[in-house]
Amino acid sequence: MQRTFELTGKRANLWINVISVIVPVVVAILLSIQNKFYFGEWTRSIPHVIGLINSITTVSLIAGLIFIKRKNVKLHRLAMSISFVLGALFLVLYVIYHLSNPPNKFTGEGFVRYVYFFTLITHVAFSLVVLPLVLRAMFFALTNQFEKHKAIVKYAYPIWLYVSVTGVMVYAFVNVLYPSADK
């Protein structure tokens, strides 16, 4: 039985690595496509949905932490599962948006530009790091490897929360505080 589990773990690790490489490569390709596809005008509202998803994810992540600190494993699993599903939904909508729309332009000037670009750059960098960590944390939780789960969550959770919060900030900078004239 142990040997079967090890093979399953190795296979899962391989898939996590593959997904963790493919997702950023696909996103980079999508961002570089000049001729966008037309899926309808509804795609222009996707950034607002993404902003809402990131906001709910932030709340769900914080709730998940509170629940586990209170030893409520059932609600912790629910909150973290919601966060995970919202992350997947975010990714799908992000891909659809960038397949069909040009990238958003930040129009702020002065010091706020430095704040925005620092936030954006760290958001993107940490989003690349967090994907394999979250996938491993979920795998360890689902396979009842709680010691490994706890060990990886020490890194995954704060990075995931940072990515979620800065995702809301990037949305607010581009779509609420400093929207471009063509929106």
C-alpha atoms as a PDB file:
ATOM      1  CA  MET A   1       0.000   0.000   0.000  1.00  0.00           C
ATOM      2  CA  GLN A   2       2.798   2.428   0.841  1.00  0.00           C
ATOM      3  CA  ARG A   3       4.428   1.945  -2.568  1.00  0.00           C
ATOM      4  CA  THR A   4       1.165   2.764  -4.374  1.00  0.00           C
ATOM      5  CA  PHE A   5       0.848   5.983  -2.382  1.00  0.00           C
ATOM      6  CA  GLU A   6       4.405   6.993  -3.239  1.00  0.00           C
ATOM      7  CA  LEU A   7       3.679   6.532  -6.938  1.00  0.00           C
ATOM      8  CA  THR A   8       0.511   8.582  -6.562  1.00  0.00           C
ATOM      9  CA  GLY A   9       2.499  11.290  -4.786  1.00  0.00           C
ATOM     10  CA  LYS A  10       5.164  11.273  -7.500  1.00  0.00           C
ATOM     11  CA  ARG A  11       2.514  11.477 -10.204  1.00  0.00           C
ATOM     12  CA  ALA A  12       0.781  14.336  -8.391  1.00  0.00           C
ATOM     13  CA  ASN A  13       4.093  16.144  -7.981  1.00  0.00           C
ATOM     14  CA  LEU A  14       4.758  15.774 -11.715  1.00  0.00           C
ATOM     15  CA  TRP A  15       1.318  17.183 -12.561  1.00  0.00           C
ATOM     16  CA  ILE A  16       1.776  20.062 -10.132  1.00  0.00           C
ATOM     17  CA  ASN A  17       5.118  20.898 -11.758  1.00  0.00           C
ATOM     18  CA  VAL A  18       3.648  20.674 -15.273  1.00  0.00           C
ATOM     19  CA  ILE A  19       0.677  22.874 -14.382  1.00  0.00           C
ATOM     20  CA  SER A  20       2.953  25.345 -12.589  1.00  0.00           C
ATOM     21  CA  VAL A  21       5.008  25.791 -15.766  1.00  0.00           C
ATOM     22  CA  ILE A  22       2.216  25.661 -18.348  1.00  0.00           C
ATOM     23  CA  VAL A  23      -0.070  28.234 -16.690  1.00  0.00           C
ATOM     24  CA  PRO A  24       2.440  31.127 -16.666  1.00  0.00           C
ATOM     25  CA  VAL A  25       3.655  30.268 -20.176  1.00  0.00           C
ATOM     26  CA  VAL A  26       0.086  30.298 -21.525  1.00  0.00           C
ATOM     27  CA  VAL A  27      -0.655  33.583 -19.732  1.00  0.00           C
ATOM     28  CA  ALA A  28       2.528  35.155 -21.154  1.00  0.00           C
ATOM     29  CA  ILE A  29       1.546  34.032 -24.661  1.00  0.00           C
ATOM     30  CA  LEU A  30      -1.973  35.414 -24.227  1.00  0.00           C
ATOM     31  CA  LEU A  31      -0.649  38.770 -23.085  1.00  0.00           C
ATOM     32  CA  SER A  32       1.569  38.991 -26.163  1.00  0.00           C
ATOM     33  CA  ILE A  33      -1.159  38.208 -28.732  1.00  0.00           C
ATOM     34  CA  GLN A  34      -1.819  41.371 -30.725  1.00  0.00           C
ATOM     35  CA  ASN A  35      -4.937  40.240 -32.628  1.00  0.00           C
ATOM     36  CA  LYS A  36      -7.591  39.474 -30.046  1.00  0.00           C
ATOM     37  CA  PHE A  37     -10.598  37.208 -30.492  1.00  0.00           C
ATOM     38  CA  TYR A  38     -14.105  38.631 -30.246  1.00  0.00           C
ATOM     39  CA  PHE A  39     -16.235  36.815 -27.683  1.00  0.00           C
ATOM     40  CA  GLY A  40     -18.703  39.654 -27.189  1.00  0.00           C
ATOM     41  CA  GLU A  41     -18.912  42.925 -25.334  1.00  0.00           C
ATOM     42  CA  TRP A  42     -19.526  41.088 -22.052  1.00  0.00           C
ATOM     43  CA  THR A  43     -15.802  40.358 -21.840  1.00  0.00           C
ATOM     44  CA  ARG A  44     -15.114  44.040 -21.149  1.00  0.00           C
ATOM     45  CA  SER A  45     -16.748  43.630 -17.730  1.00  0.00           C
ATOM     46  CA  ILE A  46     -14.540  40.683 -16.733  1.00  0.00           C
ATOM     47  CA  PRO A  47     -12.052  42.861 -14.783  1.00  0.00           C
ATOM     48  CA  HIS A  48     -14.868  43.856 -12.429  1.00  0.00           C
ATOM     49  CA  VAL A  49     -15.763  40.201 -11.863  1.00  0.00           C
ATOM     50  CA  ILE A  50     -12.090  39.399 -11.308  1.00  0.00           C
ATOM     51  CA  GLY A  51     -11.850  42.237  -8.769  1.00  0.00           C
ATOM     52  CA  LEU A  52     -14.857  40.781  -6.946  1.00  0.00           C
ATOM     53  CA  ILE A  53     -13.378  37.270  -7.082  1.00  0.00           C
ATOM     54  CA  ASN A  54     -10.096  38.510  -5.594  1.00  0.00           C
ATOM     55  CA  SER A  55     -12.003  40.357  -2.857  1.00  0.00           C
ATOM     56  CA  ILE A  56     -14.037  37.280  -1.936  1.00  0.00           C
ATOM     57  CA  THR A  57     -10.895  35.133  -2.093  1.00  0.00           C
ATOM     58  CA  THR A  58      -9.177  37.476   0.370  1.00  0.00           C
ATOM     59  CA  VAL A  59     -12.101  37.200   2.788  1.00  0.00           C
ATOM     60  CA  SER A  60     -12.246  33.431   2.341  1.00  0.00           C
ATOM     61  CA  LEU A  61      -8.501  33.051   2.967  1.00  0.00           C
ATOM     62  CA  ILE A  62      -8.725  35.097   6.165  1.00  0.00           C
ATOM     63  CA  ALA A  63     -11.783  33.108   7.260  1.00  0.00           C
ATOM     64  CA  GLY A  64      -9.882  29.875   6.590  1.00  0.00           C
ATOM     65  CA  LEU A  65      -7.065  31.026   8.856  1.00  0.00           C
ATOM     66  CA  ILE A  66      -9.477  32.022  11.600  1.00  0.00           C
ATOM     67  CA  PHE A  67     -11.291  28.683  11.362  1.00  0.00           C
ATOM     68  CA  ILE A  68      -8.134  26.594  11.642  1.00  0.00           C
ATOM     69  CA  LYS A  69      -6.852  28.710  14.542  1.00  0.00           C
ATOM     70  CA  ARG A  70     -10.161  27.901  16.279  1.00  0.00           C
ATOM     71  CA  LYS A  71      -9.657  24.194  15.391  1.00  0.00           C
ATOM     72  CA  ASN A  72     -12.738  24.165  13.160  1.00  0.00           C
ATOM     73  CA  VAL A  73     -11.341  21.909  10.440  1.00  0.00           C
ATOM     74  CA  LYS A  74     -14.657  21.529   8.622  1.00  0.00           C
ATOM     75  CA  LEU A  75     -15.130  25.274   8.079  1.00  0.00           C
ATOM     76  CA  HIS A  76     -11.406  25.681   7.347  1.00  0.00           C
ATOM     77  CA  ARG A  77     -11.666  23.117   4.545  1.00  0.00           C
ATOM     78  CA  LEU A  78     -14.767  24.839   3.203  1.00  0.00           C
ATOM     79  CA  ALA A  79     -13.142  28.287   3.226  1.00  0.00           C
ATOM     80  CA  MET A  80      -9.942  27.055   1.628  1.00  0.00           C
ATOM     81  CA  SER A  81     -11.861  25.027  -0.977  1.00  0.00           C
ATOM     82  CA  ILE A  82     -13.853  28.147  -1.840  1.00  0.00           C
ATOM     83  CA  SER A  83     -10.586  30.074  -2.176  1.00  0.00           C
ATOM     84  CA  PHE A  84      -9.168  27.373  -4.444  1.00  0.00           C
ATOM     85  CA  VAL A  85     -12.273  27.257  -6.674  1.00  0.00           C
ATOM     86  CA  LEU A  86     -12.311  31.058  -6.866  1.00  0.00           C
ATOM     87  CA  GLY A  87      -8.638  30.956  -7.885  1.00  0.00           C
ATOM     88  CA  ALA A  88      -9.465  28.554 -10.709  1.00  0.00           C
ATOM     89  CA  LEU A  89     -12.412  30.719 -11.793  1.00  0.00           C
ATOM     90  CA  PHE A  90     -10.146  33.769 -11.702  1.00  0.00           C
ATOM     91  CA  LEU A  91      -7.672  32.020 -13.990  1.00  0.00           C
ATOM     92  CA  VAL A  92     -10.351  31.034 -16.517  1.00  0.00           C
ATOM     93  CA  LEU A  93     -11.773  34.562 -16.610  1.00  0.00           C
ATOM     94  CA  TYR A  94      -8.297  36.090 -16.803  1.00  0.00           C
ATOM     95  CA  VAL A  95      -7.508  33.934 -19.843  1.00  0.00           C
ATOM     96  CA  ILE A  96     -10.831  34.800 -21.531  1.00  0.00           C
ATOM     97  CA  TYR A  97     -10.301  38.498 -20.871  1.00  0.00           C
ATOM     98  CA  HIS A  98      -6.768  38.578 -22.263  1.00  0.00           C
ATOM     99  CA  LEU A  99      -7.746  36.489 -25.288  1.00  0.00           C
ATOM    100  CA  SER A 100     -10.375  39.047 -26.185  1.00  0.00           C
ATOM    101  CA  ASN A 101      -9.182  42.429 -24.875  1.00  0.00           C
ATOM    102  CA  PRO A 102      -6.006  44.499 -24.913  1.00  0.00           C
ATOM    103  CA  PRO A 103      -4.189  44.856 -21.585  1.00  0.00           C
ATOM    104  CA  ASN A 104      -5.384  47.580 -19.247  1.00  0.00           C
ATOM    105  CA  LYS A 105      -3.331  50.761 -19.128  1.00  0.00           C
ATOM    106  CA  PHE A 106      -2.479  52.464 -15.870  1.00  0.00           C
ATOM    107  CA  THR A 107      -2.999  56.235 -16.207  1.00  0.00           C
ATOM    108  CA  GLY A 108      -1.849  57.476 -12.805  1.00  0.00           C
ATOM    109  CA  GLU A 109       1.062  59.895 -12.638  1.00  0.00           C
ATOM    110  CA  GLY A 110       3.713  60.805 -10.107  1.00  0.00           C
ATOM    111  CA  PHE A 111       4.478  58.789  -6.981  1.00  0.00           C
ATOM    112  CA  VAL A 112       1.384  56.603  -7.402  1.00  0.00           C
ATOM    113  CA  ARG A 113       2.977  55.102 -10.547  1.00  0.00           C
ATOM    114  CA  TYR A 114       5.807  53.714  -8.405  1.00  0.00           C
ATOM    115  CA  VAL A 115       3.303  52.323  -5.909  1.00  0.00           C
ATOM    116  CA  TYR A 116       1.254  50.774  -8.701  1.00  0.00           C
ATOM    117  CA  PHE A 117       4.179  49.182 -10.524  1.00  0.00           C
ATOM    118  CA  PHE A 118       5.706  47.893  -7.289  1.00  0.00           C
ATOM    119  CA  THR A 119       2.337  46.350  -6.417  1.00  0.00           C
ATOM    120  CA  LEU A 120       1.876  44.910  -9.921  1.00  0.00           C
ATOM    121  CA  ILE A 121       5.403  43.493 -10.199  1.00  0.00           C
ATOM    122  CA  THR A 122       5.321  41.852  -6.770  1.00  0.00           C
ATOM    123  CA  HIS A 123       1.790  40.575  -7.446  1.00  0.00           C
ATOM    124  CA  VAL A 124       2.889  38.910 -10.692  1.00  0.00           C
ATOM    125  CA  ALA A 125       6.132  37.543  -9.217  1.00  0.00           C
ATOM    126  CA  PHE A 126       4.404  36.027  -6.185  1.00  0.00           C
ATOM    127  CA  SER A 127       1.565  34.659  -8.320  1.00  0.00           C
ATOM    128  CA  LEU A 128       4.173  32.578 -10.156  1.00  0.00           C
ATOM    129  CA  VAL A 129       5.562  31.284  -6.861  1.00  0.00           C
ATOM    130  CA  VAL A 130       2.241  30.596  -5.159  1.00  0.00           C
ATOM    131  CA  LEU A 131       0.674  28.293  -7.748  1.00  0.00           C
ATOM    132  CA  PRO A 132       2.853  25.224  -7.067  1.00  0.00           C
ATOM    133  CA  LEU A 133       2.715  25.899  -3.328  1.00  0.00           C
ATOM    134  CA  VAL A 134      -1.082  26.037  -3.255  1.00  0.00           C
ATOM    135  CA  LEU A 135      -1.411  22.974  -5.463  1.00  0.00           C
ATOM    136  CA  ARG A 136       0.899  21.026  -3.137  1.00  0.00           C
ATOM    137  CA  ALA A 137      -0.904  22.289  -0.031  1.00  0.00           C
ATOM    138  CA  MET A 138      -4.225  21.161  -1.483  1.00  0.00           C
ATOM    139  CA  PHE A 139      -2.771  17.791  -2.485  1.00  0.00           C
ATOM    140  CA  PHE A 140      -1.352  17.220   0.998  1.00  0.00           C
ATOM    141  CA  ALA A 141      -4.651  18.194   2.616  1.00  0.00           C
ATOM    142  CA  LEU A 142      -6.708  15.976   0.322  1.00  0.00           C
ATOM    143  CA  THR A 143      -4.396  13.008   0.918  1.00  0.00           C
ATOM    144  CA  ASN A 144      -4.380  13.547   4.704  1.00  0.00           C
ATOM    145  CA  GLN A 145      -0.658  14.365   4.812  1.00  0.00           C
ATOM    146  CA  PHE A 146      -1.240  17.060   7.395  1.00  0.00           C
ATOM    147  CA  GLU A 147       2.359  17.479   8.565  1.00  0.00           C
ATOM    148  CA  LYS A 148       3.446  18.205   4.996  1.00  0.00           C
ATOM    149  CA  HIS A 149       0.357  20.379   4.552  1.00  0.00           C
ATOM    150  CA  LYS A 150       1.235  22.451   7.622  1.00  0.00           C
ATOM    151  CA  ALA A 151       4.862  22.764   6.534  1.00  0.00           C
ATOM    152  CA  ILE A 152       4.060  24.109   3.061  1.00  0.00           C
ATOM    153  CA  VAL A 153       1.187  26.316   4.208  1.00  0.00           C
ATOM    154  CA  LYS A 154       3.647  28.356   6.285  1.00  0.00           C
ATOM    155  CA  TYR A 155       4.868  29.692   2.945  1.00  0.00           C
ATOM    156  CA  ALA A 156       1.864  29.225   0.681  1.00  0.00           C
ATOM    157  CA  TYR A 157      -0.716  31.006   2.826  1.00  0.00           C
ATOM    158  CA  PRO A 158       0.967  34.405   3.281  1.00  0.00           C
ATOM    159  CA  ILE A 159       2.006  34.477  -0.374  1.00  0.00           C
ATOM    160  CA  TRP A 160      -1.502  33.519  -1.515  1.00  0.00           C
ATOM    161  CA  LEU A 161      -3.032  36.177   0.718  1.00  0.00           C
ATOM    162  CA  TYR A 162      -0.571  38.771  -0.611  1.00  0.00           C
ATOM    163  CA  VAL A 163      -1.383  37.842  -4.215  1.00  0.00           C
ATOM    164  CA  SER A 164      -5.100  38.051  -3.473  1.00  0.00           C
ATOM    165  CA  VAL A 165      -4.881  41.440  -1.728  1.00  0.00           C
ATOM    166  CA  THR A 166      -2.584  42.931  -4.354  1.00  0.00           C
ATOM    167  CA  GLY A 167      -4.911  41.582  -7.041  1.00  0.00           C
ATOM    168  CA  VAL A 168      -7.659  43.731  -5.539  1.00  0.00           C
ATOM    169  CA  MET A 169      -5.242  46.672  -5.379  1.00  0.00           C
ATOM    170  CA  VAL A 170      -4.195  46.301  -9.031  1.00  0.00           C
ATOM    171  CA  TYR A 171      -7.866  46.115 -10.026  1.00  0.00           C
ATOM    172  CA  ALA A 172      -8.648  49.259  -8.020  1.00  0.00           C
ATOM    173  CA  PHE A 173      -5.672  51.173  -9.440  1.00  0.00           C
ATOM    174  CA  VAL A 174      -6.536  50.395 -13.072  1.00  0.00           C
ATOM    175  CA  ASN A 175     -10.330  50.229 -13.038  1.00  0.00           C
ATOM    176  CA  VAL A 176     -11.483  52.505 -10.222  1.00  0.00           C
ATOM    177  CA  LEU A 177      -8.834  55.052  -9.242  1.00  0.00           C
ATOM    178  CA  TYR A 178      -7.086  55.627 -12.595  1.00  0.00           C
ATOM    179  CA  PRO A 179      -9.215  54.165 -15.415  1.00  0.00           C
ATOM    180  CA  SER A 180      -8.124  54.855 -18.980  1.00  0.00           C
ATOM    181  CA  ALA A 181     -10.287  57.111 -21.142  1.00  0.00           C
ATOM    182  CA  ASP A 182     -11.350  54.254 -23.435  1.00  0.00           C
ATOM    183  CA  LYS A 183     -13.196  52.389 -20.640  1.00  0.00           C
END
